[in-house]
Amino acid sequence: MPAKRRGAQLIMLGFAVLIVMGAYANVGLAVDEKIPADMLTYGLALAGLMLAAYLVLAKFAPWADPLILPLVTLINGLGLVMIFRLEEAKQGGASSANQIMWTALGVVMFSATLIVLRDHRMLQRLTYTAGAVGIVLLAIPAFLPSSLSEVQGAKIWIRLGSFSIQPGEFAKLALAVFFAGYLVAKRDVLALAGRRLLFIDLPRARDLGPVLATWVVSLGVLVFEKDLGTSLLLFGTFVAMLYIATQRTSWVLIGVLLFVGGAFIAGQLFDHVGARFDAWLDPTNPIYYGNAPICSQDPPGDPMCGKSYQIMQGLFGLGAGGILGTGLGQGDPDIIPLAFSDFIFTATGEELGLTGLMALLMLYALLVQRGLRTSIAAREPFSKLLAGGLSFLLAWQVFIIVGGVTNLIPLTGLVTPFMSQGGSALLANWILIALLVRMSDSARRPPPQAIQDEGLTQVFQR
């Protein structure tokens, strides 16, 4: 039987917490020339939270992959360190205390998901319910007045007084469940080939309905909510899951053509979409929204007015970091707008350098690899599709935000998973990890007879 490896998992968790505390002390020594007075408090808080998550996992998902939780702990912890660093640099909006609170709530959601969802296969029975919930969550901000839903031009929030939530973060999980359930039921039909064009077997015209419907929904998010990131994230996830279900390369090509064509048309018709593409093509040129230049920086007379100030400052920060970085606490991340949310990757790159960013990306790659390994090991089609879809969702989000802040692709406004400040994304991503852990436990758990035989063997050995 496969080993549970809970002891190894606990050691890796302790190692992850030690790395985070070392980074935390490094920031304090660089900024104030002394170890932060509250380092022990933060260290015990993080260690206590992850120990609680470990105990819940050991009790309710004992056969789960032992590497997933330590990887998430390390990434989340490094995000806490960077937000503390930005708070020390007096960047408005950065609050390490708030992020610790959201991390605690994320661990609560992780634990609650594992306790309540004993068998993830029950989600397959909620396929269309999950789809309806996901569409409603996506659509709510579009129908609210701008005063309750718009932040920095994107209508993706629900704001009631001091409380705010981004429903799209939870919609992506609901829609992933819907995609998996729907594609399991329809994959045989969608895998049928129509005409052959060159070396590709095209699908039948009558089977284009699902991908066209998802394309229309993603364009609706792009046009009415001005959210290129969520639009690209959802449509890309559906196309990837469609490919996993059918193994048809033609679906990927059709998806790429649909999204590129739709984004181009939207860029020509809507100023807020066109501005994103103009900033991507040349961040140094004036970017106009209507007849007025966009000023991303106060005061309006700033020489960067009319130019993509965020992208430029982020690229300058990456350039200043070089190969090895300036060192934690020794850079100037406070001059990068929104360094605590959209641009935390570039702020990290300035102080850790290319080497540190490659290590961070490797952590994400390992996390995605464990999710894909769960997908391969799963015994039923729904689990394979859902685990693969959630893993791709995480990888795709990292690619979109990293590509945006490095100007590889147009900037979308997504956040870096587990690192950027904010509650909605952090809670949703912890739930995503809980789903992967639950499916990993099911995939690695030996059959009941094998467990019984192992128990009898141990009795005879005693």
Protein backbone atom coordinates (compact mmCIF):
# COMPACT_ATOMS: atom_id res chain seq x y z
CA MET A 1 0.00 0.00 0.00
CA PRO A 2 1.17 3.61 -0.53
CA ALA A 3 2.50 5.29 2.59
CA LYS A 4 0.46 8.09 4.15
CA ARG A 5 3.67 10.06 4.85
CA ARG A 6 2.02 12.29 7.45
CA GLY A 7 5.30 12.52 9.41
CA ALA A 8 7.16 13.76 6.32
CA GLN A 9 4.38 16.24 5.70
CA LEU A 10 4.68 17.63 9.23
CA ILE A 11 8.46 18.05 8.83
CA MET A 12 7.97 19.89 5.51
CA LEU A 13 5.35 22.14 7.13
CA GLY A 14 7.80 23.05 9.89
CA PHE A 15 10.50 23.74 7.29
CA ALA A 16 8.13 26.01 5.34
CA VAL A 17 7.27 27.99 8.49
CA LEU A 18 10.98 28.37 9.32
CA ILE A 19 11.70 29.76 5.85
CA VAL A 20 8.89 32.29 6.23
CA MET A 21 10.11 33.37 9.67
CA GLY A 22 13.66 33.74 8.35
CA ALA A 23 12.37 36.00 5.57
CA TYR A 24 10.30 37.97 8.10
CA ALA A 25 13.37 38.54 10.30
CA ASN A 26 15.39 39.55 7.21
CA VAL A 27 12.90 42.30 6.39
CA GLY A 28 13.06 43.67 9.94
CA LEU A 29 16.85 43.66 10.01
CA ALA A 30 17.05 45.43 6.65
CA VAL A 31 14.44 48.09 7.43
CA ASP A 32 14.93 48.78 11.16
CA GLU A 33 18.22 46.96 11.85
CA LYS A 34 16.48 44.72 14.38
CA ILE A 35 14.28 41.65 14.41
CA PRO A 36 10.59 42.67 14.41
CA ALA A 37 9.15 42.65 17.91
CA ASP A 38 6.05 40.76 16.78
CA MET A 39 7.95 38.10 14.82
CA LEU A 40 7.28 35.44 17.47
CA THR A 41 3.58 36.29 17.47
CA TYR A 42 3.33 36.05 13.68
CA GLY A 43 5.40 32.87 13.64
CA LEU A 44 3.27 31.17 16.26
CA ALA A 45 0.10 32.32 14.49
CA LEU A 46 1.22 30.89 11.16
CA ALA A 47 2.51 27.68 12.74
CA GLY A 48 -0.73 27.26 14.71
CA LEU A 49 -2.90 27.77 11.64
CA MET A 50 -0.96 25.26 9.56
CA LEU A 51 -0.85 22.75 12.42
CA ALA A 52 -4.65 23.00 12.63
CA ALA A 53 -4.91 22.45 8.86
CA TYR A 54 -2.53 19.49 9.17
CA LEU A 55 -4.58 17.87 11.95
CA VAL A 56 -7.82 18.24 9.99
CA LEU A 57 -6.15 16.81 6.90
CA ALA A 58 -4.65 13.89 8.87
CA LYS A 59 -8.07 13.10 10.33
CA PHE A 60 -10.36 13.54 7.33
CA ALA A 61 -8.01 13.00 4.34
CA PRO A 62 -5.17 10.80 5.67
CA TRP A 63 -4.15 9.45 2.24
CA ALA A 64 -3.86 12.86 0.58
CA ASP A 65 -0.71 13.99 -1.22
CA PRO A 66 1.74 15.06 1.55
CA LEU A 67 3.33 17.85 -0.50
CA ILE A 68 0.30 20.02 -1.34
CA LEU A 69 -0.21 21.65 2.08
CA PRO A 70 3.50 22.50 2.68
CA LEU A 71 3.73 24.11 -0.77
CA VAL A 72 0.68 26.28 -0.14
CA THR A 73 2.00 27.18 3.32
CA LEU A 74 5.29 28.39 1.88
CA ILE A 75 3.69 30.44 -0.91
CA ASN A 76 1.09 31.97 1.42
CA GLY A 77 3.78 32.70 4.00
CA LEU A 78 6.02 34.46 1.48
CA GLY A 79 3.01 36.56 0.50
CA LEU A 80 2.58 37.56 4.16
CA VAL A 81 6.25 38.56 4.30
CA MET A 82 5.98 40.74 1.19
CA ILE A 83 2.83 42.46 2.46
CA PHE A 84 4.62 43.13 5.78
CA ARG A 85 7.53 44.55 3.75
CA LEU A 86 5.19 46.85 1.81
CA GLU A 87 3.49 47.92 5.01
CA GLU A 88 6.89 48.88 6.41
CA ALA A 89 7.52 50.84 3.19
CA LYS A 90 4.32 52.84 3.88
CA GLN A 91 2.48 51.72 0.79
CA GLY A 92 -1.16 52.53 1.43
CA GLY A 93 -3.45 49.53 1.47
CA ALA A 94 -0.87 46.98 2.62
CA SER A 95 -1.82 45.41 5.95
CA SER A 96 -0.11 42.28 7.24
CA ALA A 97 -2.58 41.98 10.16
CA ASN A 98 -5.53 41.87 7.75
CA GLN A 99 -3.77 39.29 5.58
CA ILE A 100 -3.10 37.07 8.60
CA MET A 101 -6.81 37.29 9.38
CA TRP A 102 -7.75 36.32 5.82
CA THR A 103 -5.24 33.46 5.93
CA ALA A 104 -6.90 32.21 9.12
CA LEU A 105 -10.30 32.36 7.43
CA GLY A 106 -8.82 30.55 4.43
CA VAL A 107 -7.62 27.73 6.69
CA VAL A 108 -11.09 27.60 8.25
CA MET A 109 -12.64 27.26 4.77
CA PHE A 110 -10.05 24.59 3.89
CA SER A 111 -10.89 22.63 7.03
CA ALA A 112 -14.65 23.07 6.65
CA THR A 113 -14.50 21.82 3.06
CA LEU A 114 -12.64 18.67 4.08
CA ILE A 115 -14.99 18.01 7.00
CA VAL A 116 -18.25 18.63 5.12
CA LEU A 117 -17.27 17.19 1.73
CA ARG A 118 -16.45 13.59 2.67
CA ASP A 119 -17.01 12.36 -0.90
CA HIS A 120 -16.24 14.80 -3.72
CA ARG A 121 -18.28 12.69 -6.16
CA MET A 122 -21.46 14.18 -4.71
CA LEU A 123 -20.51 17.37 -6.57
CA GLN A 124 -21.29 15.59 -9.83
CA ARG A 125 -24.95 15.46 -8.80
CA LEU A 126 -24.88 19.24 -8.43
CA THR A 127 -23.53 19.88 -11.93
CA TYR A 128 -26.26 22.21 -13.20
CA THR A 129 -26.82 23.79 -9.79
CA ALA A 130 -23.13 24.69 -9.68
CA GLY A 131 -23.38 26.13 -13.19
CA ALA A 132 -26.36 28.31 -12.25
CA VAL A 133 -24.63 29.51 -9.07
CA GLY A 134 -21.48 30.35 -11.02
CA ILE A 135 -23.36 32.38 -13.65
CA VAL A 136 -25.30 34.29 -10.97
CA LEU A 137 -22.12 35.10 -9.04
CA LEU A 138 -20.48 36.33 -12.24
CA ALA A 139 -23.46 38.47 -13.24
CA ILE A 140 -24.29 40.18 -9.92
CA PRO A 141 -21.66 42.98 -10.16
CA ALA A 142 -22.75 43.86 -13.72
CA PHE A 143 -26.28 44.68 -12.51
CA LEU A 144 -25.22 46.69 -9.45
CA PRO A 145 -24.63 50.45 -9.64
CA SER A 146 -21.01 51.47 -10.09
CA SER A 147 -20.87 52.88 -6.56
CA LEU A 148 -21.40 49.34 -5.21
CA SER A 149 -19.41 47.31 -7.72
CA GLU A 150 -16.70 49.29 -9.51
CA VAL A 151 -13.10 49.60 -8.34
CA GLN A 152 -10.42 51.06 -10.62
CA GLY A 153 -12.67 50.72 -13.64
CA ALA A 154 -13.67 47.04 -13.24
CA LYS A 155 -17.19 46.09 -12.08
CA ILE A 156 -16.24 42.93 -10.21
CA TRP A 157 -17.07 43.73 -6.58
CA ILE A 158 -20.01 43.76 -4.18
CA ARG A 159 -19.38 46.60 -1.72
CA LEU A 160 -21.61 47.26 1.26
CA GLY A 161 -20.05 49.81 3.58
CA SER A 162 -16.69 48.54 4.78
CA PHE A 163 -17.50 45.01 3.59
CA SER A 164 -16.52 43.95 0.07
CA ILE A 165 -16.34 40.65 -1.76
CA GLN A 166 -15.38 39.59 -5.26
CA PRO A 167 -17.95 36.94 -6.26
CA GLY A 168 -16.09 36.00 -9.44
CA GLU A 169 -13.43 34.27 -7.35
CA PHE A 170 -16.00 31.78 -6.08
CA ALA A 171 -17.77 31.62 -9.44
CA LYS A 172 -14.69 30.07 -11.03
CA LEU A 173 -14.87 27.12 -8.61
CA ALA A 174 -18.58 26.58 -9.19
CA LEU A 175 -18.10 26.75 -12.95
CA ALA A 176 -15.18 24.30 -12.80
CA VAL A 177 -17.50 21.80 -11.10
CA PHE A 178 -20.13 22.47 -13.78
CA PHE A 179 -17.62 22.06 -16.62
CA ALA A 180 -16.40 18.74 -15.19
CA GLY A 181 -19.89 17.31 -14.70
CA TYR A 182 -21.15 18.51 -18.07
CA LEU A 183 -18.14 17.27 -20.04
CA VAL A 184 -18.24 13.85 -18.39
CA ALA A 185 -21.85 13.47 -19.55
CA LYS A 186 -21.27 14.85 -23.07
CA ARG A 187 -17.68 13.89 -23.88
CA ASP A 188 -18.60 11.03 -26.22
CA VAL A 189 -20.67 13.40 -28.38
CA LEU A 190 -18.09 16.19 -28.27
CA ALA A 191 -15.31 13.76 -29.24
CA LEU A 192 -17.00 12.85 -32.52
CA ALA A 193 -15.10 14.09 -35.58
CA GLY A 194 -16.60 15.98 -38.50
CA ARG A 195 -14.70 17.12 -41.55
CA ARG A 196 -10.93 16.87 -41.74
CA LEU A 197 -8.99 20.07 -42.51
CA LEU A 198 -5.33 19.47 -43.30
CA PHE A 199 -4.17 17.31 -40.36
CA ILE A 200 -6.96 18.25 -37.91
CA ASP A 201 -10.32 16.56 -37.43
CA LEU A 202 -12.81 19.36 -36.88
CA PRO A 203 -15.85 18.80 -34.62
CA ARG A 204 -19.31 18.67 -36.08
CA ALA A 205 -21.04 22.04 -36.44
CA ARG A 206 -23.93 20.88 -34.24
CA ASP A 207 -21.47 20.26 -31.36
CA LEU A 208 -20.13 23.83 -31.26
CA GLY A 209 -22.93 24.97 -28.93
CA PRO A 210 -21.12 24.55 -25.56
CA VAL A 211 -17.93 26.34 -26.62
CA LEU A 212 -19.92 29.15 -28.26
CA ALA A 213 -22.09 29.57 -25.15
CA THR A 214 -19.00 29.78 -22.91
CA TRP A 215 -17.42 32.22 -25.36
CA VAL A 216 -20.47 34.49 -25.20
CA VAL A 217 -20.44 34.43 -21.39
CA SER A 218 -16.73 35.28 -21.29
CA LEU A 219 -17.25 38.17 -23.72
CA GLY A 220 -20.12 39.39 -21.54
CA VAL A 221 -17.76 39.51 -18.56
CA LEU A 222 -15.19 41.36 -20.68
CA VAL A 223 -17.64 43.94 -22.05
CA PHE A 224 -20.06 44.59 -19.19
CA GLU A 225 -17.73 44.13 -16.22
CA LYS A 226 -14.51 45.32 -17.91
CA ASP A 227 -12.73 42.26 -16.53
CA LEU A 228 -10.34 40.80 -19.08
CA GLY A 229 -8.71 38.55 -16.49
CA THR A 230 -11.79 36.60 -15.42
CA SER A 231 -12.97 36.38 -19.03
CA LEU A 232 -9.69 34.84 -20.16
CA LEU A 233 -9.47 32.63 -17.07
CA LEU A 234 -12.90 31.05 -17.45
CA PHE A 235 -12.83 30.52 -21.20
CA GLY A 236 -9.29 29.13 -21.10
CA THR A 237 -10.24 26.72 -18.31
CA PHE A 238 -13.27 25.45 -20.24
CA VAL A 239 -11.24 24.88 -23.40
CA ALA A 240 -8.53 23.06 -21.43
CA MET A 241 -11.08 20.81 -19.74
CA LEU A 242 -12.75 20.20 -23.09
CA TYR A 243 -9.40 19.06 -24.47
CA ILE A 244 -8.80 16.79 -21.44
CA ALA A 245 -12.26 15.23 -21.94
CA THR A 246 -12.06 14.68 -25.71
CA GLN A 247 -8.33 14.70 -26.58
CA ARG A 248 -9.25 16.79 -29.66
CA THR A 249 -6.64 19.44 -30.58
CA SER A 250 -9.24 21.08 -32.81
CA TRP A 251 -11.14 22.31 -29.74
CA VAL A 252 -8.03 24.18 -28.55
CA LEU A 253 -7.56 25.84 -31.95
CA ILE A 254 -11.24 26.82 -32.11
CA GLY A 255 -11.05 28.23 -28.58
CA VAL A 256 -7.97 30.31 -29.35
CA LEU A 257 -9.50 31.70 -32.54
CA LEU A 258 -12.77 32.55 -30.80
CA PHE A 259 -11.15 34.38 -27.91
CA VAL A 260 -8.60 36.27 -29.99
CA GLY A 261 -11.31 37.29 -32.45
CA GLY A 262 -13.71 38.33 -29.71
CA ALA A 263 -11.05 40.29 -27.83
CA PHE A 264 -10.01 42.09 -31.04
CA ILE A 265 -13.58 43.10 -31.85
CA ALA A 266 -14.19 44.21 -28.24
CA GLY A 267 -10.97 46.24 -28.36
CA GLN A 268 -12.24 48.09 -31.43
CA LEU A 269 -15.71 48.75 -30.00
CA PHE A 270 -15.01 49.48 -26.31
CA ASP A 271 -12.45 51.99 -25.06
CA HIS A 272 -11.71 50.21 -21.78
CA VAL A 273 -10.71 47.06 -23.66
CA GLY A 274 -8.72 48.91 -26.30
CA ALA A 275 -6.76 50.77 -23.61
CA ARG A 276 -5.47 47.47 -22.23
CA PHE A 277 -4.13 46.43 -25.62
CA ASP A 278 -2.62 49.86 -26.31
CA ALA A 279 -0.76 49.73 -22.99
CA TRP A 280 0.50 46.25 -23.82
CA LEU A 281 1.76 47.19 -27.31
CA ASP A 282 3.72 50.17 -26.00
CA PRO A 283 3.55 51.21 -22.31
CA THR A 284 5.46 54.43 -23.10
CA ASN A 285 2.82 55.82 -25.50
CA PRO A 286 -0.12 57.90 -24.25
CA ILE A 287 -3.12 55.71 -23.46
CA TYR A 288 -6.52 57.33 -24.01
CA TYR A 289 -9.91 56.44 -22.61
CA GLY A 290 -12.31 58.34 -24.82
CA ASN A 291 -10.75 61.75 -25.45
CA ALA A 292 -8.86 62.03 -22.16
CA PRO A 293 -5.49 60.45 -21.31
CA ILE A 294 -5.47 57.92 -18.49
CA CYS A 295 -3.50 59.17 -15.49
CA SER A 296 -2.53 56.27 -13.27
CA GLN A 297 -0.59 58.51 -10.91
CA ASP A 298 -1.36 61.63 -8.89
CA PRO A 299 -0.85 64.50 -9.33
CA PRO A 300 -2.35 64.82 -12.84
CA GLY A 301 0.66 66.86 -13.94
CA ASP A 302 2.99 63.91 -13.47
CA PRO A 303 5.11 63.30 -16.60
CA MET A 304 3.88 59.70 -16.66
CA CYS A 305 0.27 60.91 -17.08
CA GLY A 306 -1.18 59.27 -20.16
CA LYS A 307 1.23 56.36 -20.01
CA SER A 308 0.89 52.93 -18.41
CA TYR A 309 2.52 53.93 -15.15
CA GLN A 310 1.91 50.62 -13.39
CA ILE A 311 3.53 48.48 -16.07
CA MET A 312 6.47 50.85 -16.45
CA GLN A 313 7.22 50.97 -12.73
CA GLY A 314 6.88 47.21 -12.45
CA LEU A 315 9.36 46.67 -15.28
CA PHE A 316 11.76 49.19 -13.73
CA GLY A 317 11.51 47.26 -10.45
CA LEU A 318 12.31 43.95 -12.14
CA GLY A 319 15.23 45.58 -13.90
CA ALA A 320 16.55 46.99 -10.63
CA GLY A 321 16.37 43.55 -9.02
CA GLY A 322 18.55 41.90 -11.64
CA ILE A 323 19.64 38.32 -11.13
CA LEU A 324 19.95 38.16 -7.34
CA GLY A 325 17.76 41.08 -6.26
CA THR A 326 18.40 43.99 -3.92
CA GLY A 327 17.62 41.85 -0.86
CA LEU A 328 14.49 41.68 1.26
CA GLY A 329 13.77 45.09 2.74
CA GLN A 330 16.37 46.87 0.60
CA GLY A 331 14.43 47.75 -2.55
CA ASP A 332 11.88 50.45 -3.40
CA PRO A 333 8.63 48.49 -3.88
CA ASP A 334 6.60 51.40 -2.50
CA ILE A 335 6.92 53.27 -5.83
CA ILE A 336 5.19 50.43 -7.72
CA PRO A 337 1.43 51.14 -7.76
CA LEU A 338 -0.70 48.36 -6.22
CA ALA A 339 2.40 46.41 -5.26
CA PHE A 340 0.41 44.66 -2.53
CA SER A 341 -2.15 43.23 -4.98
CA ASP A 342 -1.80 43.21 -8.78
CA PHE A 343 1.96 43.90 -8.81
CA ILE A 344 3.21 41.90 -5.83
CA PHE A 345 5.11 39.66 -8.25
CA THR A 346 7.22 42.56 -9.53
CA ALA A 347 7.77 43.88 -5.99
CA THR A 348 9.01 40.41 -5.04
CA GLY A 349 11.21 40.33 -8.14
CA GLU A 350 12.92 43.60 -7.22
CA GLU A 351 14.05 42.27 -3.84
CA LEU A 352 14.59 38.57 -4.63
CA GLY A 353 15.72 38.99 -8.23
CA LEU A 354 15.27 36.61 -11.13
CA THR A 355 16.60 33.76 -8.99
CA GLY A 356 13.94 34.28 -6.33
CA LEU A 357 11.17 34.59 -8.92
CA MET A 358 12.25 31.36 -10.60
CA ALA A 359 12.15 29.61 -7.21
CA LEU A 360 8.66 31.03 -6.58
CA LEU A 361 7.44 29.89 -9.99
CA MET A 362 8.91 26.45 -9.26
CA LEU A 363 6.76 26.28 -6.12
CA TYR A 364 3.67 27.01 -8.21
CA ALA A 365 4.80 24.45 -10.80
CA LEU A 366 5.20 21.78 -8.12
CA LEU A 367 1.74 22.57 -6.75
CA VAL A 368 0.20 22.27 -10.22
CA GLN A 369 2.16 19.07 -10.84
CA ARG A 370 0.73 17.49 -7.69
CA GLY A 371 -2.75 18.45 -8.84
CA LEU A 372 -2.19 16.92 -12.28
CA ARG A 373 -0.78 13.82 -10.64
CA THR A 374 -4.02 13.56 -8.68
CA SER A 375 -5.94 13.86 -11.94
CA ILE A 376 -3.95 11.01 -13.51
CA ALA A 377 -4.37 8.77 -10.45
CA ALA A 378 -8.12 9.41 -10.06
CA ARG A 379 -10.30 6.37 -10.67
CA GLU A 380 -13.43 8.00 -12.11
CA PRO A 381 -13.82 10.43 -15.05
CA PHE A 382 -15.40 13.24 -13.00
CA SER A 383 -12.46 13.31 -10.58
CA LYS A 384 -9.96 13.27 -13.43
CA LEU A 385 -11.64 16.22 -15.13
CA LEU A 386 -12.20 18.26 -11.97
CA ALA A 387 -8.67 17.76 -10.62
CA GLY A 388 -7.18 18.53 -14.03
CA GLY A 389 -9.42 21.59 -14.45
CA LEU A 390 -8.61 23.01 -11.01
CA SER A 391 -4.88 22.44 -11.56
CA PHE A 392 -5.06 24.20 -14.92
CA LEU A 393 -7.11 27.01 -13.35
CA LEU A 394 -4.33 27.66 -10.84
CA ALA A 395 -1.57 27.44 -13.45
CA TRP A 396 -3.50 29.61 -15.93
CA GLN A 397 -4.08 32.30 -13.31
CA VAL A 398 -0.38 32.43 -12.46
CA PHE A 399 0.51 32.68 -16.16
CA ILE A 400 -2.02 35.47 -16.79
CA ILE A 401 -0.89 37.68 -13.92
CA VAL A 402 2.85 37.04 -14.39
CA GLY A 403 2.51 37.58 -18.14
CA GLY A 404 0.57 40.79 -17.54
CA VAL A 405 2.97 42.46 -15.11
CA THR A 406 5.96 41.52 -17.28
CA ASN A 407 4.15 42.84 -20.39
CA LEU A 408 4.20 39.45 -22.10
CA ILE A 409 0.40 39.67 -22.51
CA PRO A 410 -2.07 42.51 -21.81
CA LEU A 411 -2.46 43.32 -18.12
CA THR A 412 -5.68 41.80 -16.82
CA GLY A 413 -6.02 42.78 -13.17
CA LEU A 414 -5.93 39.27 -11.66
CA VAL A 415 -4.02 38.68 -8.43
CA THR A 416 -1.17 36.30 -7.69
CA PRO A 417 -2.65 33.23 -5.93
CA PHE A 418 -1.94 33.05 -2.17
CA MET A 419 0.36 36.10 -2.27
CA SER A 420 -1.65 39.20 -3.15
CA GLN A 421 -3.55 40.97 -0.40
CA GLY A 422 -7.29 40.41 -0.35
CA GLY A 423 -9.85 38.07 1.10
CA SER A 424 -11.96 36.77 -1.78
CA ALA A 425 -9.12 35.30 -3.83
CA LEU A 426 -7.40 33.82 -0.79
CA LEU A 427 -10.55 32.12 0.49
CA ALA A 428 -11.42 30.75 -2.96
CA ASN A 429 -7.92 29.40 -3.50
CA TRP A 430 -7.87 27.65 -0.12
CA ILE A 431 -11.17 25.98 -1.06
CA LEU A 432 -9.58 24.97 -4.39
CA ILE A 433 -6.71 23.35 -2.47
CA ALA A 434 -9.19 21.54 -0.21
CA LEU A 435 -10.90 20.07 -3.27
CA LEU A 436 -7.57 18.88 -4.65
CA VAL A 437 -6.65 17.38 -1.26
CA ARG A 438 -10.00 15.57 -1.08
CA MET A 439 -9.58 14.11 -4.57
CA SER A 440 -5.95 13.21 -3.83
CA ASP A 441 -7.07 11.31 -0.74
CA SER A 442 -9.61 9.38 -2.82
CA ALA A 443 -7.08 8.63 -5.57
CA ARG A 444 -4.31 7.41 -3.23
CA ARG A 445 -6.56 5.53 -0.79
CA PRO A 446 -6.18 1.77 -1.30
CA PRO A 447 -9.28 -0.42 -1.72
CA PRO A 448 -11.01 -1.42 1.56
CA GLN A 449 -9.85 -5.04 1.24
CA ALA A 450 -6.20 -3.94 0.99
CA ILE A 451 -6.57 -1.83 4.15
CA GLN A 452 -8.18 -4.78 5.96
CA ASP A 453 -5.40 -7.16 4.85
CA GLU A 454 -2.76 -4.67 5.97
CA GLY A 455 -4.43 -4.43 9.38
CA LEU A 456 -4.49 -8.22 9.77
CA THR A 457 -0.82 -8.41 8.76
CA GLN A 458 0.12 -5.90 11.48
CA VAL A 459 -1.89 -7.87 14.06
CA PHE A 460 -0.08 -11.12 13.17
CA GLN A 461 3.28 -9.34 13.26
CA ARG A 462 2.60 -8.18 16.82
